[in-house]
C-alpha cells in the first residue's frame, strides 16, 4: 500500500471516530455531510476549501475545512475542537 493510501486511511479513520460523533452532536438534528465524493465535492474542496457542510443550530450552513495529518517525528497528544454554535 502506498504512503498516500496509508495516510488517507488514517485520516478517514480519525474522521469517522472523532469528527463524525462531534458533528452529529453539534449539527441541528445531526445534519451534516462529508463532501468527499462526486463533481460537486471536487469543486467545493478545490475552489472553496470545504470538506464538510453542517447545518447549524439556527438553520445556518457552516462550511468546514478539515486538516487531519500525521507529522513525522511529532506526537499528537490531544485533538482540539472549536465549537460550531
Protein backbone atom coordinates (compact mmCIF):
# COMPACT_ATOMS: atom_id res chain seq x y z
CA UNK A 1 0.00 0.00 0.00
CA UNK A 2 1.31 3.47 -0.89
CA UNK A 3 2.17 6.17 1.66
CA UNK A 4 -0.75 8.24 0.34
CA UNK A 5 -3.17 5.32 0.78
CA UNK A 6 -1.91 4.72 4.34
CA UNK A 7 -2.27 8.40 5.23
CA UNK A 8 -5.70 8.58 3.61
CA UNK A 9 -6.90 5.52 5.55
CA UNK A 10 -5.54 7.10 8.74
CA UNK A 11 -7.39 10.38 8.18
CA UNK A 12 -10.64 8.60 7.23
CA UNK A 13 -10.49 6.52 10.42
CA UNK A 14 -9.86 9.62 12.54
CA UNK A 15 -12.67 11.49 10.80
CA UNK A 16 -15.08 8.63 11.50
CA UNK A 17 -14.04 8.15 15.13
CA UNK A 18 -13.59 11.80 16.17
CA UNK A 19 -15.31 14.22 13.81
CA UNK A 20 -18.44 12.25 12.89
CA UNK A 21 -19.72 11.99 16.52
CA UNK A 22 -18.75 15.63 17.14
CA UNK A 23 -20.62 16.87 14.06
CA UNK A 24 -23.66 14.72 14.89
CA UNK A 25 -23.78 16.33 18.31
CA UNK A 26 -23.23 19.92 17.13
CA UNK A 27 -25.37 19.94 13.98
CA UNK A 28 -29.08 20.73 14.01
CA UNK A 29 -30.79 17.32 14.18
CA UNK A 30 -27.42 15.74 13.34
CA UNK A 31 -27.45 17.12 9.80
CA UNK A 32 -24.06 17.22 8.11
CA UNK A 33 -22.31 15.76 5.08
CA UNK A 34 -18.72 14.93 4.28
CA UNK A 35 -18.06 16.42 0.83
CA UNK A 36 -15.63 13.84 -0.44
CA UNK A 37 -17.24 12.20 -3.48
CA UNK A 38 -18.59 13.50 -6.77
CA UNK A 39 -18.17 16.53 -9.00
CA UNK A 40 -19.70 19.00 -6.55
CA UNK A 41 -17.41 17.75 -3.78
CA UNK A 42 -14.42 18.34 -6.03
CA UNK A 43 -15.49 21.94 -6.69
CA UNK A 44 -16.22 22.58 -3.00
CA UNK A 45 -12.84 21.23 -1.93
CA UNK A 46 -10.66 22.79 -4.61
CA UNK A 47 -12.32 26.17 -5.02
CA UNK A 48 -13.87 26.83 -1.61
CA UNK A 49 -11.82 24.68 0.81
CA UNK A 50 -14.94 22.90 2.10
CA UNK A 51 -14.65 19.33 3.40
CA UNK A 52 -17.83 19.15 5.47
CA UNK A 53 -21.13 21.03 5.42
CA UNK A 54 -23.06 21.23 8.67
CA UNK A 55 -26.49 22.64 9.42
CA UNK A 56 -26.13 24.92 12.43
CA UNK A 57 -28.49 25.15 15.40
CA UNK A 58 -30.19 28.22 13.90
CA UNK A 59 -30.54 26.50 10.49
CA UNK A 60 -27.48 28.32 9.16
CA UNK A 61 -24.98 26.49 6.97
CA UNK A 62 -21.48 26.01 8.34
CA UNK A 63 -18.67 25.06 5.97
CA UNK A 64 -15.67 23.33 7.49
CA UNK A 65 -12.18 22.73 6.17
CA UNK A 66 -10.52 19.81 7.91
CA UNK A 67 -6.84 19.07 8.30
CA UNK A 68 -6.14 15.62 9.66
CA UNK A 69 -2.42 14.97 9.36
CA UNK A 70 0.44 12.93 10.66
CA UNK A 71 3.65 14.83 11.03
CA UNK A 72 6.70 12.56 11.17
CA UNK A 73 8.59 13.00 14.41
CA UNK A 74 5.76 14.79 16.23
CA UNK A 75 3.46 13.02 18.66
CA UNK A 76 -0.05 14.44 18.85
CA UNK A 77 -1.17 14.38 22.47
CA UNK A 78 -4.71 15.62 22.06
CA UNK A 79 -7.20 16.81 19.47
CA UNK A 80 -8.78 20.23 19.85
CA UNK A 81 -12.20 21.16 18.54
CA UNK A 82 -13.74 24.57 18.11
CA UNK A 83 -17.42 24.90 18.86
CA UNK A 84 -19.82 25.20 15.92
CA UNK A 85 -22.59 27.08 17.67
